[in-house]
PDB file of N, CA and C in Angstrom:
ATOM      1  N   UNK A   1     -13.106   2.511 -11.606  1.00  0.00           N
ATOM      2  CA  UNK A   1     -12.494   1.743 -10.618  1.00  0.00           C
ATOM      3  C   UNK A   1     -11.308   1.744 -10.459  1.00  0.00           C
ATOM      4  N   UNK A   2     -10.321   1.480 -11.730  1.00  0.00           N
ATOM      5  CA  UNK A   2      -8.953   1.753 -11.787  1.00  0.00           C
ATOM      6  C   UNK A   2      -8.486   2.821 -11.418  1.00  0.00           C
ATOM      7  N   UNK A   3      -8.913   4.054 -11.871  1.00  0.00           N
ATOM      8  CA  UNK A   3      -8.417   5.377 -11.560  1.00  0.00           C
ATOM      9  C   UNK A   3      -8.471   5.567 -10.117  1.00  0.00           C
ATOM     10  N   UNK A   4      -9.690   4.949  -9.532  1.00  0.00           N
ATOM     11  CA  UNK A   4      -9.774   5.381  -7.899  1.00  0.00           C
ATOM     12  C   UNK A   4      -8.675   4.426  -7.374  1.00  0.00           C
ATOM     13  N   UNK A   5      -8.277   3.306  -7.733  1.00  0.00           N
ATOM     14  CA  UNK A   5      -7.365   2.597  -7.050  1.00  0.00           C
ATOM     15  C   UNK A   5      -6.117   3.255  -7.109  1.00  0.00           C
ATOM     16  N   UNK A   6      -5.743   3.594  -8.444  1.00  0.00           N
ATOM     17  CA  UNK A   6      -4.442   4.215  -8.638  1.00  0.00           C
ATOM     18  C   UNK A   6      -4.504   5.708  -7.714  1.00  0.00           C
ATOM     19  N   UNK A   7      -5.323   6.430  -8.006  1.00  0.00           N
ATOM     20  CA  UNK A   7      -5.455   7.488  -7.023  1.00  0.00           C
ATOM     21  C   UNK A   7      -5.251   7.452  -5.401  1.00  0.00           C
ATOM     22  N   UNK A   8      -5.597   6.023  -4.963  1.00  0.00           N
ATOM     23  CA  UNK A   8      -5.523   5.894  -3.563  1.00  0.00           C
ATOM     24  C   UNK A   8      -3.918   5.548  -3.404  1.00  0.00           C
ATOM     25  N   UNK A   9      -3.386   4.560  -4.286  1.00  0.00           N
ATOM     26  CA  UNK A   9      -2.001   4.345  -4.173  1.00  0.00           C
ATOM     27  C   UNK A   9      -1.158   5.559  -4.296  1.00  0.00           C
ATOM     28  N   UNK A  10      -1.471   6.550  -4.981  1.00  0.00           N
ATOM     29  CA  UNK A  10      -0.645   7.607  -5.283  1.00  0.00           C
ATOM     30  C   UNK A  10      -0.587   8.498  -3.886  1.00  0.00           C
ATOM     31  N   UNK A  11      -1.882   8.590  -3.201  1.00  0.00           N
ATOM     32  CA  UNK A  11      -2.069   9.197  -2.047  1.00  0.00           C
ATOM     33  C   UNK A  11      -1.412   8.436  -0.996  1.00  0.00           C
ATOM     34  N   UNK A  12      -1.370   7.138  -0.904  1.00  0.00           N
ATOM     35  CA  UNK A  12      -0.669   6.365   0.108  1.00  0.00           C
ATOM     36  C   UNK A  12       0.806   6.407  -0.056  1.00  0.00           C
ATOM     37  N   UNK A  13       1.260   6.342  -1.290  1.00  0.00           N
ATOM     38  CA  UNK A  13       2.832   6.627  -1.471  1.00  0.00           C
ATOM     39  C   UNK A  13       3.204   8.136  -1.224  1.00  0.00           C
ATOM     40  N   UNK A  14       2.564   9.063  -1.335  1.00  0.00           N
ATOM     41  CA  UNK A  14       2.747  10.486  -0.863  1.00  0.00           C
ATOM     42  C   UNK A  14       2.810  10.529   0.325  1.00  0.00           C
ATOM     43  N   UNK A  15       1.847   9.916   1.292  1.00  0.00           N
ATOM     44  CA  UNK A  15       1.644  10.013   2.798  1.00  0.00           C
ATOM     45  C   UNK A  15       2.966   9.481   3.482  1.00  0.00           C
ATOM     46  N   UNK A  16       3.360   8.191   2.705  1.00  0.00           N
ATOM     47  CA  UNK A  16       4.525   7.480   3.582  1.00  0.00           C
ATOM     48  C   UNK A  16       5.599   8.041   2.758  1.00  0.00           C
ATOM     49  N   UNK A  17       6.371   9.054   3.420  1.00  0.00           N
ATOM     50  CA  UNK A  17       7.432   9.640   2.776  1.00  0.00           C
ATOM     51  C   UNK A  17       8.610   8.783   2.326  1.00  0.00           C
ATOM     52  N   UNK A  18       8.930   9.185   1.002  1.00  0.00           N
ATOM     53  CA  UNK A  18      10.082   8.292   0.297  1.00  0.00           C
ATOM     54  C   UNK A  18       9.645   6.770   0.166  1.00  0.00           C
ATOM     55  N   UNK A  19       8.512   6.697  -0.119  1.00  0.00           N
ATOM     56  CA  UNK A  19       7.930   5.349  -0.426  1.00  0.00           C
ATOM     57  C   UNK A  19       7.489   5.153  -1.983  1.00  0.00           C
ATOM     58  N   UNK A  20       8.382   4.043  -2.539  1.00  0.00           N
ATOM     59  CA  UNK A  20       8.016   3.813  -3.873  1.00  0.00           C
ATOM     60  C   UNK A  20       7.494   2.397  -3.995  1.00  0.00           C
ATOM     61  N   UNK A  21       6.046   2.244  -4.212  1.00  0.00           N
ATOM     62  CA  UNK A  21       5.574   1.032  -4.092  1.00  0.00           C
ATOM     63  C   UNK A  21       6.103   0.085  -5.082  1.00  0.00           C
ATOM     64  N   UNK A  22       6.529   0.399  -5.996  1.00  0.00           N
ATOM     65  CA  UNK A  22       7.359  -0.492  -7.238  1.00  0.00           C
ATOM     66  C   UNK A  22       8.588  -1.083  -6.407  1.00  0.00           C
ATOM     67  N   UNK A  23       9.295  -0.195  -5.873  1.00  0.00           N
ATOM     68  CA  UNK A  23      10.643  -0.591  -5.395  1.00  0.00           C
ATOM     69  C   UNK A  23      10.282  -1.712  -3.898  1.00  0.00           C
ATOM     70  N   UNK A  24       9.224  -1.171  -3.344  1.00  0.00           N
ATOM     71  CA  UNK A  24       8.730  -2.131  -2.087  1.00  0.00           C
ATOM     72  C   UNK A  24       8.551  -3.457  -2.647  1.00  0.00           C
ATOM     73  N   UNK A  25       7.661  -3.482  -3.679  1.00  0.00           N
ATOM     74  CA  UNK A  25       7.402  -4.994  -4.264  1.00  0.00           C
ATOM     75  C   UNK A  25       8.540  -5.707  -4.518  1.00  0.00           C
ATOM     76  N   UNK A  26       9.368  -4.944  -5.196  1.00  0.00           N
ATOM     77  CA  UNK A  26      10.786  -5.758  -5.593  1.00  0.00           C
ATOM     78  C   UNK A  26      11.473  -6.277  -4.341  1.00  0.00           C
ATOM     79  N   UNK A  27      11.349  -5.370  -3.256  1.00  0.00           N
ATOM     80  CA  UNK A  27      12.367  -5.472  -2.018  1.00  0.00           C
ATOM     81  C   UNK A  27      11.710  -6.840  -0.975  1.00  0.00           C
ATOM     82  N   UNK A  28      10.383  -6.666  -1.037  1.00  0.00           N
ATOM     83  CA  UNK A  28       9.769  -7.643   0.134  1.00  0.00           C
ATOM     84  C   UNK A  28       8.425  -8.140  -0.197  1.00  0.00           C
ATOM     85  N   UNK A  29       7.803  -7.610  -1.332  1.00  0.00           N
ATOM     86  CA  UNK A  29       6.520  -8.064  -1.986  1.00  0.00           C
ATOM     87  C   UNK A  29       5.354  -7.602  -0.957  1.00  0.00           C
ATOM     88  N   UNK A  30       5.648  -6.258  -0.630  1.00  0.00           N
ATOM     89  CA  UNK A  30       4.755  -5.444   0.402  1.00  0.00           C
ATOM     90  C   UNK A  30       4.884  -5.903   1.627  1.00  0.00           C
ATOM     91  N   UNK A  31       5.713  -6.651   2.325  1.00  0.00           N
ATOM     92  CA  UNK A  31       5.348  -7.254   3.555  1.00  0.00           C
ATOM     93  C   UNK A  31       5.470  -6.043   4.736  1.00  0.00           C
ATOM     94  N   UNK A  32       6.469  -5.381   4.332  1.00  0.00           N
ATOM     95  CA  UNK A  32       6.414  -4.022   5.356  1.00  0.00           C
ATOM     96  C   UNK A  32       5.213  -3.071   4.989  1.00  0.00           C
ATOM     97  N   UNK A  33       4.979  -2.606   3.814  1.00  0.00           N
ATOM     98  CA  UNK A  33       3.836  -1.896   3.794  1.00  0.00           C
ATOM     99  C   UNK A  33       2.660  -2.492   4.375  1.00  0.00           C
ATOM    100  N   UNK A  34       2.379  -3.620   4.066  1.00  0.00           N
ATOM    101  CA  UNK A  34       1.109  -4.371   4.752  1.00  0.00           C
ATOM    102  C   UNK A  34       1.222  -4.376   6.148  1.00  0.00           C
ATOM    103  N   UNK A  35       2.482  -4.360   6.753  1.00  0.00           N
ATOM    104  CA  UNK A  35       2.572  -4.128   8.206  1.00  0.00           C
ATOM    105  C   UNK A  35       1.854  -2.785   8.712  1.00  0.00           C
ATOM    106  N   UNK A  36       1.791  -1.873   7.933  1.00  0.00           N
ATOM    107  CA  UNK A  36       1.460  -0.540   8.252  1.00  0.00           C
ATOM    108  C   UNK A  36      -0.042  -0.556   8.588  1.00  0.00           C
ATOM    109  N   UNK A  37      -0.589  -1.521   8.028  1.00  0.00           N
ATOM    110  CA  UNK A  37      -2.377  -1.587   8.039  1.00  0.00           C
ATOM    111  C   UNK A  37      -2.709  -2.372   9.269  1.00  0.00           C
ATOM    112  N   UNK A  38      -1.755  -3.057   9.880  1.00  0.00           N
ATOM    113  CA  UNK A  38      -2.292  -3.833  11.070  1.00  0.00           C
ATOM    114  C   UNK A  38      -2.890  -2.809  12.040  1.00  0.00           C
ATOM    115  N   UNK A  39      -4.031  -3.358  12.685  1.00  0.00           N
ATOM    116  CA  UNK A  39      -4.705  -2.806  13.668  1.00  0.00           C
ATOM    117  C   UNK A  39      -4.976  -1.396  13.088  1.00  0.00           C
ATOM    118  N   UNK A  40      -5.570  -1.421  11.762  1.00  0.00           N
ATOM    119  CA  UNK A  40      -5.921  -0.164  11.061  1.00  0.00           C
ATOM    120  C   UNK A  40      -5.091   0.947  11.105  1.00  0.00           C
ATOM    121  N   UNK A  41      -3.711   0.709  11.323  1.00  0.00           N
ATOM    122  CA  UNK A  41      -2.706   1.458  11.158  1.00  0.00           C
ATOM    123  C   UNK A  41      -2.130   2.144  12.419  1.00  0.00           C
ATOM    124  N   UNK A  42      -2.996   1.630  13.570  1.00  0.00           N
ATOM    125  CA  UNK A  42      -2.360   2.061  14.753  1.00  0.00           C
ATOM    126  C   UNK A  42      -1.405   0.884  15.461  1.00  0.00           C
ATOM    127  N   UNK A  43      -0.199   1.105  15.027  1.00  0.00           N
ATOM    128  CA  UNK A  43       0.834   0.184  15.181  1.00  0.00           C
ATOM    129  C   UNK A  43       2.258   0.867  15.172  1.00  0.00           C
ATOM    130  N   UNK A  44       3.307   0.203  15.672  1.00  0.00           N
ATOM    131  CA  UNK A  44       4.758   0.675  15.758  1.00  0.00           C
ATOM    132  C   UNK A  44       5.211   1.098  14.516  1.00  0.00           C
ATOM    133  N   UNK A  45       5.144   0.275  13.581  1.00  0.00           N
ATOM    134  CA  UNK A  45       5.548   0.854  12.178  1.00  0.00           C
ATOM    135  C   UNK A  45       5.042   2.284  11.591  1.00  0.00           C
ATOM    136  N   UNK A  46       3.719   2.456  11.878  1.00  0.00           N
ATOM    137  CA  UNK A  46       3.081   3.567  11.294  1.00  0.00           C
ATOM    138  C   UNK A  46       3.409   4.691  12.091  1.00  0.00           C
ATOM    139  N   UNK A  47       3.625   4.361  13.520  1.00  0.00           N
ATOM    140  CA  UNK A  47       3.893   5.565  14.289  1.00  0.00           C
ATOM    141  C   UNK A  47       5.111   6.175  13.957  1.00  0.00           C
ATOM    142  N   UNK A  48       5.927   5.482  13.184  1.00  0.00           N
ATOM    143  CA  UNK A  48       7.314   6.136  12.753  1.00  0.00           C
ATOM    144  C   UNK A  48       6.990   7.246  11.933  1.00  0.00           C
ATOM    145  N   UNK A  49       5.919   7.323  11.047  1.00  0.00           N
ATOM    146  CA  UNK A  49       5.655   8.326  10.200  1.00  0.00           C
ATOM    147  C   UNK A  49       4.693   9.408  11.073  1.00  0.00           C
ATOM    148  N   UNK A  50       5.250  10.654  11.126  1.00  0.00           N
ATOM    149  CA  UNK A  50       4.509  11.740  11.744  1.00  0.00           C
ATOM    150  C   UNK A  50       3.499  12.595  10.735  1.00  0.00           C
ATOM    151  N   UNK A  51       2.455  12.909  11.112  1.00  0.00           N
ATOM    152  CA  UNK A  51       1.478  13.695  10.192  1.00  0.00           C
ATOM    153  C   UNK A  51       1.204  13.316   8.930  1.00  0.00           C
ATOM    154  N   UNK A  52       0.872  11.950   8.864  1.00  0.00           N
ATOM    155  CA  UNK A  52       0.426  11.274   7.857  1.00  0.00           C
ATOM    156  C   UNK A  52      -1.105  11.551   7.573  1.00  0.00           C
ATOM    157  N   UNK A  53      -1.212  11.920   6.223  1.00  0.00           N
ATOM    158  CA  UNK A  53      -2.667  12.333   5.735  1.00  0.00           C
ATOM    159  C   UNK A  53      -3.331  11.181   5.441  1.00  0.00           C
ATOM    160  N   UNK A  54      -3.789  10.223   6.394  1.00  0.00           N
ATOM    161  CA  UNK A  54      -4.638   9.142   6.163  1.00  0.00           C
ATOM    162  C   UNK A  54      -5.549   8.867   7.104  1.00  0.00           C
ATOM    163  N   UNK A  55      -6.482   8.205   6.904  1.00  0.00           N
ATOM    164  CA  UNK A  55      -7.622   7.730   7.761  1.00  0.00           C
ATOM    165  C   UNK A  55      -7.139   6.766   8.654  1.00  0.00           C
ATOM    166  N   UNK A  56      -6.014   6.952   9.735  1.00  0.00           N
ATOM    167  CA  UNK A  56      -5.578   5.863  10.684  1.00  0.00           C
ATOM    168  C   UNK A  56      -6.443   5.724  11.413  1.00  0.00           C
ATOM    169  N   UNK A  57      -6.859   4.444  11.885  1.00  0.00           N
ATOM    170  CA  UNK A  57      -7.799   4.065  13.083  1.00  0.00           C
ATOM    171  C   UNK A  57      -9.143   4.018  12.441  1.00  0.00           C
ATOM    172  N   UNK A  58      -9.243   4.192  11.297  1.00  0.00           N
ATOM    173  CA  UNK A  58     -10.769   4.357  10.832  1.00  0.00           C
ATOM    174  C   UNK A  58     -11.030   3.149   9.682  1.00  0.00           C
ATOM    175  N   UNK A  59     -12.121   2.724   9.606  1.00  0.00           N
ATOM    176  CA  UNK A  59     -12.472   1.748   8.608  1.00  0.00           C
ATOM    177  C   UNK A  59     -12.176   2.129   7.206  1.00  0.00           C
ATOM    178  N   UNK A  60     -12.169   3.492   6.674  1.00  0.00           N
ATOM    179  CA  UNK A  60     -11.609   3.767   5.425  1.00  0.00           C
ATOM    180  C   UNK A  60     -10.192   3.370   5.205  1.00  0.00           C
ATOM    181  N   UNK A  61      -9.352   3.516   6.156  1.00  0.00           N
ATOM    182  CA  UNK A  61      -7.949   3.048   5.971  1.00  0.00           C
ATOM    183  C   UNK A  61      -7.836   1.847   5.303  1.00  0.00           C
ATOM    184  N   UNK A  62      -8.729   0.650   5.364  1.00  0.00           N
ATOM    185  CA  UNK A  62      -8.688  -0.474   5.009  1.00  0.00           C
ATOM    186  C   UNK A  62      -8.835  -0.524   3.136  1.00  0.00           C
ATOM    187  N   UNK A  63      -9.446   0.818   2.761  1.00  0.00           N
ATOM    188  CA  UNK A  63      -9.464   0.854   1.455  1.00  0.00           C
ATOM    189  C   UNK A  63      -8.170   1.104   0.726  1.00  0.00           C
ATOM    190  N   UNK A  64      -7.074   1.556   1.501  1.00  0.00           N
ATOM    191  CA  UNK A  64      -5.842   1.690   1.048  1.00  0.00           C
ATOM    192  C   UNK A  64      -5.242   0.272   0.794  1.00  0.00           C
ATOM    193  N   UNK A  65      -5.419  -0.434   1.813  1.00  0.00           N
ATOM    194  CA  UNK A  65      -4.825  -1.887   1.827  1.00  0.00           C
ATOM    195  C   UNK A  65      -5.349  -2.634   0.694  1.00  0.00           C
ATOM    196  N   UNK A  66      -6.586  -2.332   0.378  1.00  0.00           N
ATOM    197  CA  UNK A  66      -7.316  -2.957  -0.746  1.00  0.00           C
ATOM    198  C   UNK A  66      -6.517  -2.876  -2.099  1.00  0.00           C
ATOM    199  N   UNK A  67      -6.423  -1.285  -2.193  1.00  0.00           N
ATOM    200  CA  UNK A  67      -5.769  -0.859  -3.561  1.00  0.00           C
ATOM    201  C   UNK A  67      -4.181  -1.532  -3.601  1.00  0.00           C
ATOM    202  N   UNK A  68      -3.689  -1.448  -2.552  1.00  0.00           N
ATOM    203  CA  UNK A  68      -2.109  -2.265  -2.737  1.00  0.00           C
ATOM    204  C   UNK A  68      -2.257  -3.672  -2.914  1.00  0.00           C
ATOM    205  N   UNK A  69      -3.393  -4.446  -2.272  1.00  0.00           N
ATOM    206  CA  UNK A  69      -3.528  -5.738  -2.725  1.00  0.00           C
ATOM    207  C   UNK A  69      -3.758  -5.973  -4.110  1.00  0.00           C
ATOM    208  N   UNK A  70      -4.800  -5.106  -4.801  1.00  0.00           N
ATOM    209  CA  UNK A  70      -5.068  -5.049  -5.982  1.00  0.00           C
ATOM    210  C   UNK A  70      -3.888  -5.063  -6.849  1.00  0.00           C
ATOM    211  N   UNK A  71      -3.140  -4.078  -6.728  1.00  0.00           N
ATOM    212  CA  UNK A  71      -1.970  -3.839  -7.530  1.00  0.00           C
ATOM    213  C   UNK A  71      -1.040  -4.938  -7.365  1.00  0.00           C
ATOM    214  N   UNK A  72      -0.692  -5.424  -6.231  1.00  0.00           N
ATOM    215  CA  UNK A  72       0.248  -6.530  -6.047  1.00  0.00           C
ATOM    216  C   UNK A  72      -0.414  -7.768  -6.914  1.00  0.00           C
ATOM    217  N   UNK A  73      -1.611  -7.840  -6.859  1.00  0.00           N
ATOM    218  CA  UNK A  73      -2.391  -9.013  -7.734  1.00  0.00           C
ATOM    219  C   UNK A  73      -1.934  -8.666  -9.208  1.00  0.00           C
ATOM    220  N   UNK A  74      -2.302  -7.405  -9.532  1.00  0.00           N
ATOM    221  CA  UNK A  74      -1.926  -7.091 -11.045  1.00  0.00           C
ATOM    222  C   UNK A  74      -0.478  -7.290 -11.326  1.00  0.00           C
ATOM    223  N   UNK A  75       0.570  -7.032 -10.548  1.00  0.00           N
ATOM    224  CA  UNK A  75       2.062  -7.328 -10.795  1.00  0.00           C
ATOM    225  C   UNK A  75       2.276  -8.717 -10.873  1.00  0.00           C
ATOM    226  N   UNK A  76       1.604  -9.586  -9.766  1.00  0.00           N
ATOM    227  CA  UNK A  76       1.749 -11.083  -9.867  1.00  0.00           C
ATOM    228  C   UNK A  76       1.274 -11.333 -11.150  1.00  0.00           C
ATOM    229  N   UNK A  77       0.110 -11.110 -11.511  1.00  0.00           N
ATOM    230  CA  UNK A  77      -0.660 -11.502 -12.814  1.00  0.00           C
ATOM    231  C   UNK A  77       0.439 -11.289 -13.984  1.00  0.00           C
ATOM    232  N   UNK A  78       0.882  -9.899 -14.216  1.00  0.00           N
ATOM    233  CA  UNK A  78       1.564  -9.680 -15.150  1.00  0.00           C
ATOM    234  C   UNK A  78       2.994 -10.539 -15.253  1.00  0.00           C
ATOM    235  N   UNK A  79       3.626 -10.821 -14.193  1.00  0.00           N
ATOM    236  CA  UNK A  79       4.941 -11.613 -13.982  1.00  0.00           C
ATOM    237  C   UNK A  79       4.670 -12.927 -14.506  1.00  0.00           C
ATOM    238  N   UNK A  80       3.293 -13.560 -14.163  1.00  0.00           N
ATOM    239  CA  UNK A  80       2.835 -14.848 -14.478  1.00  0.00           C
ATOM    240  C   UNK A  80       2.905 -15.237 -16.009  1.00  0.00           C
ATOM    241  N   UNK A  81       2.018 -13.917 -16.601  1.00  0.00           N
ATOM    242  CA  UNK A  81       1.754 -14.176 -18.184  1.00  0.00           C
ATOM    243  C   UNK A  81       2.943 -13.865 -18.906  1.00  0.00           C
ATOM    244  N   UNK A  82       3.893 -13.144 -18.197  1.00  0.00           N
ATOM    245  CA  UNK A  82       5.126 -13.047 -18.978  1.00  0.00           C
ATOM    246  C   UNK A  82       6.022 -14.115 -18.893  1.00  0.00           C
ATOM    247  N   UNK A  83       5.960 -15.034 -17.953  1.00  0.00           N
ATOM    248  CA  UNK A  83       6.757 -16.257 -17.753  1.00  0.00           C
ATOM    249  C   UNK A  83       6.331 -17.155 -18.653  1.00  0.00           C
ATOM    250  N   UNK A  84       5.033 -17.231 -19.010  1.00  0.00           N
ATOM    251  CA  UNK A  84       4.447 -18.396 -19.755  1.00  0.00           C
ATOM    252  C   UNK A  84       4.616 -18.314 -21.063  1.00  0.00           C
TER     253      UNK A  84
END
């Protein structure tokens, strides 16, 4: 399961040119990246990326959002356990 999530995150990161998901987390806690998932990726922010190899407009696109959500949860849990 985890390797599948990591694989999807890498594919998402590669598809969105110059995207570093760790840097995005530090920057805005994925606010911008989650905006790309609105309306299954059919939105103004996603339209800025041409030729993206992702299932935009399809149900499968939500799997990438799920992977990003799980990674955000992992980062937040790690930060919480470190601060305790």
